[in-house]
Amino acid sequence: MEAPNDGVVSQRCADQRTPVSLVGPAVPAVIYRAAMASQPDARSYGHVFDDVAEDYECHRPIYPDELLDRACEGIGPGAAVLEIGCGTGQLTRSLLARGLHVTAVEPGQQLIARARDQCNGVGDVQFVNARLEDTSLARAQYSAVFAASAIHWIDPDVSWRKAADAPMDGGSLALISYFGLDDPRSADDQQALRGAMTAIAPELAADWPAYRGLAATLAGVAARRDNLSQVWAWLGGYEIARGYAADLFDDAHIAAVPTQLEHTADELNACWARCRCGQDCHPDSATLSSSKTKPSTSGSDDRSAPAQSPAW
């Protein structure tokens, strides 16, 4: 199946006078995400990932180096950074490989155990096994704050303020994730997947978001760029927008790296069974795709766009 658009959004604390953009014109969001159910109840689904930590690590797509290089622009080796919701350490490893000193906050015990194993000997990292809501962070300590497909799982009245307090003067907040893009080449796959969802989980299919084209996505971000929380809420369908966030950060900047991904039926079913939407279905019903799904490949294509895939 065709692939998602990787995105990074960076935004700086509003009291900083000389913001340095980490990325160019941009796109942030959530990995393979359906619209989130009414909050705060939907945030309780975060524990699902810890229950299936091994499968979560195996089936979650990685972020392209090109995108991460853009997110890390202006941050030199040895800089201290904060990562919110490190999961199994996928982004953590990439930050360490760039010579950064990472403090990684993650509430899941199994997830953070895998992150420790994956990052052992890679670089200077301190893991904090706690929710961000329960974590005490020093103010103005970090050159940047990163969150990869994680910020929406946190109480927004905590996450935006802590993300604004943590960076030092000139620091940034970088949000990284995948988005689905509308593209004629993946239209048949999207239609087939939505049909399967309608058959086995009609309530989820009804809430599944429509994909936008790249131009429409960038235009929508530009129209909301003065409030990062509104950008993120619009992109992911989250109830996390807060008006006061416009006073916490400068304007958002976005970078997009359209990427082509294809999955076999088994791979797609594995993703579905281990994601939040799949956990909502009866175990015997968590199968979506047929053997006609294209073989697994990956690559980069400025024109490509993904078929809809399960939510992480």
C-alpha atoms as a PDB file:
ATOM      1  CA  MET A   1       0.000   0.000   0.000  1.00  0.00           C
ATOM      2  CA  GLU A   2       1.278   3.443  -0.722  1.00  0.00           C
ATOM      3  CA  ALA A   3       2.821   5.539   1.879  1.00  0.00           C
ATOM      4  CA  PRO A   4       2.494   8.273   4.371  1.00  0.00           C
ATOM      5  CA  ASN A   5       3.884  11.711   4.418  1.00  0.00           C
ATOM      6  CA  ASP A   6       6.457  12.259   7.141  1.00  0.00           C
ATOM      7  CA  GLY A   7       6.252  15.574   8.865  1.00  0.00           C
ATOM      8  CA  VAL A   8       7.985  17.736  11.378  1.00  0.00           C
ATOM      9  CA  VAL A   9       6.640  20.840  12.936  1.00  0.00           C
ATOM     10  CA  SER A  10       8.849  23.105  14.978  1.00  0.00           C
ATOM     11  CA  GLN A  11       7.779  26.031  17.040  1.00  0.00           C
ATOM     12  CA  ARG A  12       9.703  28.223  19.456  1.00  0.00           C
ATOM     13  CA  CYS A  13       8.822  29.724  22.792  1.00  0.00           C
ATOM     14  CA  ALA A  14       7.143  33.057  22.209  1.00  0.00           C
ATOM     15  CA  ASP A  15       9.432  35.011  24.504  1.00  0.00           C
ATOM     16  CA  GLN A  16      12.427  34.223  22.303  1.00  0.00           C
ATOM     17  CA  ARG A  17      13.357  37.105  20.097  1.00  0.00           C
ATOM     18  CA  THR A  18      15.505  35.439  17.445  1.00  0.00           C
ATOM     19  CA  PRO A  19      13.813  32.160  16.554  1.00  0.00           C
ATOM     20  CA  VAL A  20      15.815  29.875  14.266  1.00  0.00           C
ATOM     21  CA  SER A  21      13.649  27.576  12.201  1.00  0.00           C
ATOM     22  CA  LEU A  22      14.544  23.910  12.581  1.00  0.00           C
ATOM     23  CA  VAL A  23      12.662  23.091   9.428  1.00  0.00           C
ATOM     24  CA  GLY A  24      11.295  24.824   6.373  1.00  0.00           C
ATOM     25  CA  PRO A  25       7.644  25.061   5.338  1.00  0.00           C
ATOM     26  CA  ALA A  26       6.098  22.091   7.138  1.00  0.00           C
ATOM     27  CA  VAL A  27       3.807  19.226   8.149  1.00  0.00           C
ATOM     28  CA  PRO A  28       3.376  17.490  11.577  1.00  0.00           C
ATOM     29  CA  ALA A  29       0.955  14.843  12.777  1.00  0.00           C
ATOM     30  CA  VAL A  30       0.308  11.349  13.902  1.00  0.00           C
ATOM     31  CA  ILE A  31       1.363   7.960  12.685  1.00  0.00           C
ATOM     32  CA  TYR A  32      -1.408   6.161  10.798  1.00  0.00           C
ATOM     33  CA  ARG A  33      -4.051   7.788  12.904  1.00  0.00           C
ATOM     34  CA  ALA A  34      -7.791   7.669  12.828  1.00  0.00           C
ATOM     35  CA  ALA A  35      -9.756  10.466  14.469  1.00  0.00           C
ATOM     36  CA  MET A  36      -9.422  10.175  18.218  1.00  0.00           C
ATOM     37  CA  ALA A  37     -12.496   9.303  20.259  1.00  0.00           C
ATOM     38  CA  SER A  38     -13.808  11.818  22.751  1.00  0.00           C
ATOM     39  CA  GLN A  39     -11.097  12.907  25.130  1.00  0.00           C
ATOM     40  CA  PRO A  40     -10.007  12.388  27.845  1.00  0.00           C
ATOM     41  CA  ASP A  41     -11.212   8.761  27.537  1.00  0.00           C
ATOM     42  CA  ALA A  42      -9.253   8.198  24.326  1.00  0.00           C
ATOM     43  CA  ARG A  43      -5.960   8.919  26.092  1.00  0.00           C
ATOM     44  CA  SER A  44      -6.415   5.748  28.130  1.00  0.00           C
ATOM     45  CA  TYR A  45      -5.606   3.810  24.943  1.00  0.00           C
ATOM     46  CA  GLY A  46      -1.957   4.755  25.391  1.00  0.00           C
ATOM     47  CA  HIS A  47      -1.440   1.698  27.614  1.00  0.00           C
ATOM     48  CA  VAL A  48      -2.205  -0.568  24.654  1.00  0.00           C
ATOM     49  CA  PHE A  49       1.221   0.158  23.178  1.00  0.00           C
ATOM     50  CA  ASP A  50       2.971  -0.980  26.349  1.00  0.00           C
ATOM     51  CA  ASP A  51       0.990  -4.221  26.331  1.00  0.00           C
ATOM     52  CA  VAL A  52       2.294  -5.037  22.826  1.00  0.00           C
ATOM     53  CA  ALA A  53       5.714  -3.376  23.024  1.00  0.00           C
ATOM     54  CA  GLU A  54       7.563  -5.996  20.968  1.00  0.00           C
ATOM     55  CA  ASP A  55       5.078  -5.937  18.098  1.00  0.00           C
ATOM     56  CA  TYR A  56       4.817  -2.178  18.325  1.00  0.00           C
ATOM     57  CA  GLU A  57       8.545  -1.884  17.737  1.00  0.00           C
ATOM     58  CA  CYS A  58       8.514  -4.373  14.870  1.00  0.00           C
ATOM     59  CA  HIS A  59       5.684  -2.823  12.883  1.00  0.00           C
ATOM     60  CA  ARG A  60       6.017   0.901  13.481  1.00  0.00           C
ATOM     61  CA  PRO A  61       7.639   2.605  10.463  1.00  0.00           C
ATOM     62  CA  ILE A  62      10.848   4.549  11.011  1.00  0.00           C
ATOM     63  CA  TYR A  63      11.282   8.226  10.194  1.00  0.00           C
ATOM     64  CA  PRO A  64      13.497   9.184   7.231  1.00  0.00           C
ATOM     65  CA  ASP A  65      16.925  10.576   8.070  1.00  0.00           C
ATOM     66  CA  GLU A  66      16.229  13.518   5.785  1.00  0.00           C
ATOM     67  CA  LEU A  67      13.335  14.570   7.981  1.00  0.00           C
ATOM     68  CA  LEU A  68      15.260  14.142  11.225  1.00  0.00           C
ATOM     69  CA  ASP A  69      18.182  16.125   9.824  1.00  0.00           C
ATOM     70  CA  ARG A  70      15.771  18.988   9.184  1.00  0.00           C
ATOM     71  CA  ALA A  71      14.372  18.707  12.704  1.00  0.00           C
ATOM     72  CA  CYS A  72      17.861  18.827  14.216  1.00  0.00           C
ATOM     73  CA  GLU A  73      19.157  21.791  12.213  1.00  0.00           C
ATOM     74  CA  GLY A  74      20.797  24.349  14.476  1.00  0.00           C
ATOM     75  CA  ILE A  75      21.337  21.844  17.313  1.00  0.00           C
ATOM     76  CA  GLY A  76      25.004  20.953  17.693  1.00  0.00           C
ATOM     77  CA  PRO A  77      26.534  17.723  19.051  1.00  0.00           C
ATOM     78  CA  GLY A  78      26.532  17.629  22.841  1.00  0.00           C
ATOM     79  CA  ALA A  79      23.326  19.659  23.166  1.00  0.00           C
ATOM     80  CA  ALA A  80      20.819  18.492  25.773  1.00  0.00           C
ATOM     81  CA  VAL A  81      17.372  17.654  24.382  1.00  0.00           C
ATOM     82  CA  LEU A  82      14.143  16.316  25.837  1.00  0.00           C
ATOM     83  CA  GLU A  83      12.093  13.598  24.169  1.00  0.00           C
ATOM     84  CA  ILE A  84       8.438  13.211  25.174  1.00  0.00           C
ATOM     85  CA  GLY A  85       7.047   9.697  24.819  1.00  0.00           C
ATOM     86  CA  CYS A  86      10.108   7.816  23.562  1.00  0.00           C
ATOM     87  CA  GLY A  87       8.323   4.459  23.215  1.00  0.00           C
ATOM     88  CA  THR A  88      10.840   1.768  22.240  1.00  0.00           C
ATOM     89  CA  GLY A  89      13.529   4.354  21.478  1.00  0.00           C
ATOM     90  CA  GLN A  90      13.188   4.707  17.728  1.00  0.00           C
ATOM     91  CA  LEU A  91      13.643   8.487  17.656  1.00  0.00           C
ATOM     92  CA  THR A  92      15.915   8.315  20.705  1.00  0.00           C
ATOM     93  CA  ARG A  93      18.492   6.276  18.779  1.00  0.00           C
ATOM     94  CA  SER A  94      18.436   8.789  15.929  1.00  0.00           C
ATOM     95  CA  LEU A  95      18.991  11.701  18.308  1.00  0.00           C
ATOM     96  CA  LEU A  96      21.863   9.889  20.033  1.00  0.00           C
ATOM     97  CA  ALA A  97      23.425   9.080  16.667  1.00  0.00           C
ATOM     98  CA  ARG A  98      23.570  12.829  16.038  1.00  0.00           C
ATOM     99  CA  GLY A  99      25.582  13.328  19.215  1.00  0.00           C
ATOM    100  CA  LEU A 100      22.774  14.776  21.328  1.00  0.00           C
ATOM    101  CA  HIS A 101      22.350  14.174  25.057  1.00  0.00           C
ATOM    102  CA  VAL A 102      18.801  12.904  25.505  1.00  0.00           C
ATOM    103  CA  THR A 103      16.409  12.871  28.436  1.00  0.00           C
ATOM    104  CA  ALA A 104      13.604  10.520  27.343  1.00  0.00           C
ATOM    105  CA  VAL A 105      10.288  10.411  29.195  1.00  0.00           C
ATOM    106  CA  GLU A 106       8.082   7.329  28.723  1.00  0.00           C
ATOM    107  CA  PRO A 107       5.348   5.934  31.038  1.00  0.00           C
ATOM    108  CA  GLY A 108       5.252   2.382  29.627  1.00  0.00           C
ATOM    109  CA  GLN A 109       7.458  -0.048  31.551  1.00  0.00           C
ATOM    110  CA  GLN A 110       7.834  -2.554  28.704  1.00  0.00           C
ATOM    111  CA  LEU A 111       8.348   0.179  26.127  1.00  0.00           C
ATOM    112  CA  ILE A 112      11.074   1.912  28.096  1.00  0.00           C
ATOM    113  CA  ALA A 113      12.765  -1.420  28.855  1.00  0.00           C
ATOM    114  CA  ARG A 114      13.070  -2.034  25.120  1.00  0.00           C
ATOM    115  CA  ALA A 115      14.297   1.523  24.616  1.00  0.00           C
ATOM    116  CA  ARG A 116      17.047   0.989  27.190  1.00  0.00           C
ATOM    117  CA  ASP A 117      18.128  -2.188  25.398  1.00  0.00           C
ATOM    118  CA  GLN A 118      18.081  -0.533  21.973  1.00  0.00           C
ATOM    119  CA  CYS A 119      20.030   2.514  23.134  1.00  0.00           C
ATOM    120  CA  ASN A 120      22.579   0.727  25.309  1.00  0.00           C
ATOM    121  CA  GLY A 121      26.018   2.002  24.372  1.00  0.00           C
ATOM    122  CA  VAL A 122      24.693   4.310  21.636  1.00  0.00           C
ATOM    123  CA  GLY A 123      25.144   7.583  23.509  1.00  0.00           C
ATOM    124  CA  ASP A 124      24.323   9.723  26.530  1.00  0.00           C
ATOM    125  CA  VAL A 125      20.679   9.112  27.472  1.00  0.00           C
ATOM    126  CA  GLN A 126      18.695   9.331  30.681  1.00  0.00           C
ATOM    127  CA  PHE A 127      15.366   7.491  30.743  1.00  0.00           C
ATOM    128  CA  VAL A 128      12.506   8.667  32.953  1.00  0.00           C
ATOM    129  CA  ASN A 129       9.810   6.022  33.429  1.00  0.00           C
ATOM    130  CA  ALA A 130       6.841   8.283  34.176  1.00  0.00           C
ATOM    131  CA  ARG A 131       4.030  10.193  32.582  1.00  0.00           C
ATOM    132  CA  LEU A 132       4.900  13.697  31.496  1.00  0.00           C
ATOM    133  CA  GLU A 133       2.072  14.885  33.720  1.00  0.00           C
ATOM    134  CA  ASP A 134       3.920  13.436  36.753  1.00  0.00           C
ATOM    135  CA  THR A 135       7.438  14.467  35.745  1.00  0.00           C
ATOM    136  CA  SER A 136       9.261  17.454  37.231  1.00  0.00           C
ATOM    137  CA  LEU A 137      11.383  19.145  34.571  1.00  0.00           C
ATOM    138  CA  ALA A 138      13.807  22.010  35.056  1.00  0.00           C
ATOM    139  CA  ARG A 139      12.850  25.161  33.182  1.00  0.00           C
ATOM    140  CA  ALA A 140      14.918  26.394  30.244  1.00  0.00           C
ATOM    141  CA  GLN A 141      17.293  23.404  30.354  1.00  0.00           C
ATOM    142  CA  TYR A 142      17.092  21.929  26.849  1.00  0.00           C
ATOM    143  CA  SER A 143      18.153  23.078  23.403  1.00  0.00           C
ATOM    144  CA  ALA A 144      15.076  21.386  21.943  1.00  0.00           C
ATOM    145  CA  VAL A 145      12.064  19.271  22.836  1.00  0.00           C
ATOM    146  CA  PHE A 146      11.038  16.404  20.539  1.00  0.00           C
ATOM    147  CA  ALA A 147       7.843  14.366  20.398  1.00  0.00           C
ATOM    148  CA  ALA A 148       7.266  11.695  17.738  1.00  0.00           C
ATOM    149  CA  SER A 149       3.610  10.709  17.458  1.00  0.00           C
ATOM    150  CA  ALA A 150       3.187  11.164  21.204  1.00  0.00           C
ATOM    151  CA  ILE A 151       1.979  14.635  22.185  1.00  0.00           C
ATOM    152  CA  HIS A 152      -1.700  13.808  21.575  1.00  0.00           C
ATOM    153  CA  TRP A 153      -1.668  11.131  24.282  1.00  0.00           C
ATOM    154  CA  ILE A 154      -0.950  13.728  26.982  1.00  0.00           C
ATOM    155  CA  ASP A 155      -3.290  16.149  28.723  1.00  0.00           C
ATOM    156  CA  PRO A 156      -2.906  19.243  26.509  1.00  0.00           C
ATOM    157  CA  ASP A 157      -3.128  21.591  29.467  1.00  0.00           C
ATOM    158  CA  VAL A 158       0.051  19.921  30.719  1.00  0.00           C
ATOM    159  CA  SER A 159       1.867  19.091  27.494  1.00  0.00           C
ATOM    160  CA  TRP A 160       1.868  22.526  25.843  1.00  0.00           C
ATOM    161  CA  ARG A 161       2.993  24.376  28.978  1.00  0.00           C
ATOM    162  CA  LYS A 162       5.751  21.872  29.826  1.00  0.00           C
ATOM    163  CA  ALA A 163       6.923  21.840  26.218  1.00  0.00           C
ATOM    164  CA  ALA A 164       7.153  25.636  26.328  1.00  0.00           C
ATOM    165  CA  ASP A 165       8.914  25.761  29.697  1.00  0.00           C
ATOM    166  CA  ALA A 166      11.604  23.155  28.984  1.00  0.00           C
ATOM    167  CA  PRO A 167      13.594  24.795  26.117  1.00  0.00           C
ATOM    168  CA  MET A 168      16.241  27.378  26.850  1.00  0.00           C
ATOM    169  CA  ASP A 169      16.269  30.740  25.088  1.00  0.00           C
ATOM    170  CA  GLY A 170      16.433  30.038  21.356  1.00  0.00           C
ATOM    171  CA  GLY A 171      15.214  26.452  21.815  1.00  0.00           C
ATOM    172  CA  SER A 172      12.509  24.701  19.852  1.00  0.00           C
ATOM    173  CA  LEU A 173       9.697  22.175  20.011  1.00  0.00           C
ATOM    174  CA  ALA A 174       9.761  19.653  17.132  1.00  0.00           C
ATOM    175  CA  LEU A 175       6.750  17.410  16.547  1.00  0.00           C
ATOM    176  CA  ILE A 176       7.321  14.506  14.172  1.00  0.00           C
ATOM    177  CA  SER A 177       4.838  12.070  12.678  1.00  0.00           C
ATOM    178  CA  TYR A 178       3.286  10.414   9.644  1.00  0.00           C
ATOM    179  CA  PHE A 179       0.248  11.616   7.675  1.00  0.00           C
ATOM    180  CA  GLY A 180      -1.745   9.967   4.995  1.00  0.00           C
ATOM    181  CA  LEU A 181      -1.832  11.841   1.701  1.00  0.00           C
ATOM    182  CA  ASP A 182      -4.534  11.654  -0.923  1.00  0.00           C
ATOM    183  CA  ASP A 183      -3.149  10.350  -4.206  1.00  0.00           C
ATOM    184  CA  PRO A 184      -4.829   8.688  -7.212  1.00  0.00           C
ATOM    185  CA  ARG A 185      -2.332   5.821  -7.161  1.00  0.00           C
ATOM    186  CA  SER A 186      -3.460   4.724  -3.694  1.00  0.00           C
ATOM    187  CA  ALA A 187      -7.173   5.428  -4.127  1.00  0.00           C
ATOM    188  CA  ASP A 188      -8.102   1.785  -4.777  1.00  0.00           C
ATOM    189  CA  ASP A 189      -6.178   0.611  -1.719  1.00  0.00           C
ATOM    190  CA  GLN A 190      -7.835   3.245   0.440  1.00  0.00           C
ATOM    191  CA  GLN A 191     -11.272   2.267  -0.801  1.00  0.00           C
ATOM    192  CA  ALA A 192     -10.611  -1.428  -0.180  1.00  0.00           C
ATOM    193  CA  LEU A 193      -9.324  -0.816   3.332  1.00  0.00           C
ATOM    194  CA  ARG A 194     -12.251   1.432   4.209  1.00  0.00           C
ATOM    195  CA  GLY A 195     -14.629  -1.244   2.881  1.00  0.00           C
ATOM    196  CA  ALA A 196     -13.041  -3.879   5.105  1.00  0.00           C
ATOM    197  CA  MET A 197     -13.236  -1.533   8.086  1.00  0.00           C
ATOM    198  CA  THR A 198     -16.906  -0.822   7.396  1.00  0.00           C
ATOM    199  CA  ALA A 199     -17.625  -4.547   7.373  1.00  0.00           C
ATOM    200  CA  ILE A 200     -15.921  -5.400  10.677  1.00  0.00           C
ATOM    201  CA  ALA A 201     -15.883  -2.102  12.602  1.00  0.00           C
ATOM    202  CA  PRO A 202     -18.436   0.344  11.156  1.00  0.00           C
ATOM    203  CA  GLU A 203     -18.156   2.719  14.117  1.00  0.00           C
ATOM    204  CA  LEU A 204     -14.426   3.144  13.450  1.00  0.00           C
ATOM    205  CA  ALA A 205     -14.899   3.482   9.708  1.00  0.00           C
ATOM    206  CA  ALA A 206     -17.392   6.278  10.287  1.00  0.00           C
ATOM    207  CA  ASP A 207     -14.771   8.285  12.201  1.00  0.00           C
ATOM    208  CA  TRP A 208     -11.861   7.505   9.871  1.00  0.00           C
ATOM    209  CA  PRO A 209     -10.534  10.799   8.482  1.00  0.00           C
ATOM    210  CA  ALA A 210     -10.432  11.683   4.820  1.00  0.00           C
ATOM    211  CA  TYR A 211      -6.944  12.157   3.397  1.00  0.00           C
ATOM    212  CA  ARG A 212      -5.831  15.518   2.027  1.00  0.00           C
ATOM    213  CA  GLY A 213      -3.440  16.267  -0.775  1.00  0.00           C
ATOM    214  CA  LEU A 214      -0.007  17.678   0.059  1.00  0.00           C
ATOM    215  CA  ALA A 215      -0.878  21.176  -1.178  1.00  0.00           C
ATOM    216  CA  ALA A 216      -4.075  21.255   0.892  1.00  0.00           C
ATOM    217  CA  THR A 217      -2.203  19.993   3.948  1.00  0.00           C
ATOM    218  CA  LEU A 218       0.474  22.658   3.674  1.00  0.00           C
ATOM    219  CA  ALA A 219      -2.135  25.358   3.083  1.00  0.00           C
ATOM    220  CA  GLY A 220      -4.105  24.258   6.138  1.00  0.00           C
ATOM    221  CA  VAL A 221      -0.985  24.376   8.288  1.00  0.00           C
ATOM    222  CA  ALA A 222      -0.089  27.829   6.969  1.00  0.00           C
ATOM    223  CA  ALA A 223      -3.554  29.118   7.858  1.00  0.00           C
ATOM    224  CA  ARG A 224      -3.092  27.972  11.479  1.00  0.00           C
ATOM    225  CA  ARG A 225       0.642  28.466  11.929  1.00  0.00           C
ATOM    226  CA  ASP A 226       0.267  31.107  14.646  1.00  0.00           C
ATOM    227  CA  ASN A 227      -0.941  28.400  17.065  1.00  0.00           C
ATOM    228  CA  LEU A 228       0.902  25.069  17.014  1.00  0.00           C
ATOM    229  CA  SER A 229      -1.762  23.336  19.073  1.00  0.00           C
ATOM    230  CA  GLN A 230      -4.364  24.205  16.441  1.00  0.00           C
ATOM    231  CA  VAL A 231      -2.095  22.938  13.668  1.00  0.00           C
ATOM    232  CA  TRP A 232      -1.635  19.609  15.429  1.00  0.00           C
ATOM    233  CA  ALA A 233      -5.321  19.291  16.305  1.00  0.00           C
ATOM    234  CA  TRP A 234      -6.307  19.932  12.681  1.00  0.00           C
ATOM    235  CA  LEU A 235      -3.798  17.486  11.231  1.00  0.00           C
ATOM    236  CA  GLY A 236      -4.586  14.607  13.557  1.00  0.00           C
ATOM    237  CA  GLY A 237      -8.215  15.209  14.464  1.00  0.00           C
ATOM    238  CA  TYR A 238      -7.317  15.647  18.128  1.00  0.00           C
ATOM    239  CA  GLU A 239      -9.079  17.673  20.780  1.00  0.00           C
ATOM    240  CA  ILE A 240      -5.841  19.276  21.950  1.00  0.00           C
ATOM    241  CA  ALA A 241      -6.077  22.828  20.588  1.00  0.00           C
ATOM    242  CA  ARG A 242      -5.706  25.565  23.185  1.00  0.00           C
ATOM    243  CA  GLY A 243      -6.002  29.270  22.464  1.00  0.00           C
ATOM    244  CA  TYR A 244      -3.332  30.208  24.988  1.00  0.00           C
ATOM    245  CA  ALA A 245      -0.756  28.068  23.158  1.00  0.00           C
ATOM    246  CA  ALA A 246      -0.411  30.909  20.654  1.00  0.00           C
ATOM    247  CA  ASP A 247       1.221  32.910  23.460  1.00  0.00           C
ATOM    248  CA  LEU A 248       3.575  30.074  24.416  1.00  0.00           C
ATOM    249  CA  PHE A 249       5.237  29.600  21.015  1.00  0.00           C
ATOM    250  CA  ASP A 250       6.207  31.504  17.913  1.00  0.00           C
ATOM    251  CA  ASP A 251       4.788  30.560  14.524  1.00  0.00           C
ATOM    252  CA  ALA A 252       5.115  26.953  13.394  1.00  0.00           C
ATOM    253  CA  HIS A 253       7.397  25.902  10.543  1.00  0.00           C
ATOM    254  CA  ILE A 254       6.828  22.658   8.722  1.00  0.00           C
ATOM    255  CA  ALA A 255       8.824  20.167   6.661  1.00  0.00           C
ATOM    256  CA  ALA A 256       7.362  17.303   4.628  1.00  0.00           C
ATOM    257  CA  VAL A 257       9.100  14.259   3.192  1.00  0.00           C
ATOM    258  CA  PRO A 258       6.535  12.267   1.175  1.00  0.00           C
ATOM    259  CA  THR A 259       7.495   8.622   1.419  1.00  0.00           C
ATOM    260  CA  GLN A 260       6.197   5.520  -0.298  1.00  0.00           C
ATOM    261  CA  LEU A 261       5.469   2.460   1.825  1.00  0.00           C
ATOM    262  CA  GLU A 262       3.850  -0.769   0.740  1.00  0.00           C
ATOM    263  CA  HIS A 263       2.643  -3.645   2.899  1.00  0.00           C
ATOM    264  CA  THR A 264       1.779  -7.275   2.351  1.00  0.00           C
ATOM    265  CA  ALA A 265      -1.537  -8.481   3.728  1.00  0.00           C
ATOM    266  CA  ASP A 266       0.220 -10.106   6.691  1.00  0.00           C
ATOM    267  CA  GLU A 267       2.142  -6.932   7.473  1.00  0.00           C
ATOM    268  CA  LEU A 268      -0.952  -4.770   7.345  1.00  0.00           C
ATOM    269  CA  ASN A 269      -2.924  -7.195   9.485  1.00  0.00           C
ATOM    270  CA  ALA A 270      -0.099  -7.215  12.040  1.00  0.00           C
ATOM    271  CA  CYS A 271      -0.214  -3.414  12.180  1.00  0.00           C
ATOM    272  CA  TRP A 272      -3.962  -3.467  12.578  1.00  0.00           C
ATOM    273  CA  ALA A 273      -4.005  -6.109  15.300  1.00  0.00           C
ATOM    274  CA  ARG A 274      -1.421  -4.186  17.384  1.00  0.00           C
ATOM    275  CA  CYS A 275      -2.833  -0.684  16.999  1.00  0.00           C
ATOM    276  CA  ARG A 276      -5.515   1.056  19.004  1.00  0.00           C
ATOM    277  CA  CYS A 277      -8.240   0.546  16.405  1.00  0.00           C
ATOM    278  CA  GLY A 278      -7.493  -3.159  16.186  1.00  0.00           C
ATOM    279  CA  GLN A 279      -7.699  -3.473  19.966  1.00  0.00           C
ATOM    280  CA  ASP A 280     -11.211  -1.999  19.805  1.00  0.00           C
ATOM    281  CA  CYS A 281     -12.362  -4.859  17.545  1.00  0.00           C
ATOM    282  CA  HIS A 282     -13.182  -8.397  18.580  1.00  0.00           C
ATOM    283  CA  PRO A 283      -9.924 -10.429  18.371  1.00  0.00           C
ATOM    284  CA  ASP A 284     -11.426 -12.685  15.692  1.00  0.00           C
ATOM    285  CA  SER A 285     -12.289  -9.648  13.584  1.00  0.00           C
ATOM    286  CA  ALA A 286      -8.970  -7.828  13.513  1.00  0.00           C
ATOM    287  CA  THR A 287      -8.104  -8.783   9.936  1.00  0.00           C
ATOM    288  CA  LEU A 288      -8.473  -6.198   7.214  1.00  0.00           C
ATOM    289  CA  SER A 289      -6.498  -6.919   4.076  1.00  0.00           C
ATOM    290  CA  SER A 290      -6.411  -9.595   1.423  1.00  0.00           C
ATOM    291  CA  SER A 291      -3.502 -11.369  -0.201  1.00  0.00           C
ATOM    292  CA  LYS A 292      -3.829  -8.975  -3.134  1.00  0.00           C
ATOM    293  CA  THR A 293      -2.115  -6.218  -1.173  1.00  0.00           C
ATOM    294  CA  LYS A 294       1.142  -5.147  -2.829  1.00  0.00           C
ATOM    295  CA  PRO A 295       4.519  -6.509  -1.667  1.00  0.00           C
ATOM    296  CA  SER A 296       6.451  -4.563   0.906  1.00  0.00           C
ATOM    297  CA  THR A 297       8.766  -1.861  -0.415  1.00  0.00           C
ATOM    298  CA  SER A 298       9.815   1.555   0.719  1.00  0.00           C
ATOM    299  CA  GLY A 299      11.228   4.657  -0.834  1.00  0.00           C
ATOM    300  CA  SER A 300      10.869   8.376  -1.290  1.00  0.00           C
ATOM    301  CA  ASP A 301       8.687  10.015  -3.894  1.00  0.00           C
ATOM    302  CA  ASP A 302       7.605  13.631  -3.873  1.00  0.00           C
ATOM    303  CA  ARG A 303       4.412  12.663  -5.632  1.00  0.00           C
ATOM    304  CA  SER A 304       3.457   9.638  -3.583  1.00  0.00           C
ATOM    305  CA  ALA A 305       0.711   9.353  -0.994  1.00  0.00           C
ATOM    306  CA  PRO A 306      -0.380   6.534   1.273  1.00  0.00           C
ATOM    307  CA  ALA A 307      -3.408   4.410   1.456  1.00  0.00           C
ATOM    308  CA  GLN A 308      -5.107   4.597   4.830  1.00  0.00           C
ATOM    309  CA  SER A 309      -3.429   2.460   7.456  1.00  0.00           C
ATOM    310  CA  PRO A 310      -4.198   1.666  11.088  1.00  0.00           C
ATOM    311  CA  ALA A 311      -3.620   4.143  13.874  1.00  0.00           C
ATOM    312  CA  TRP A 312      -0.658   4.114  16.230  1.00  0.00           C
END
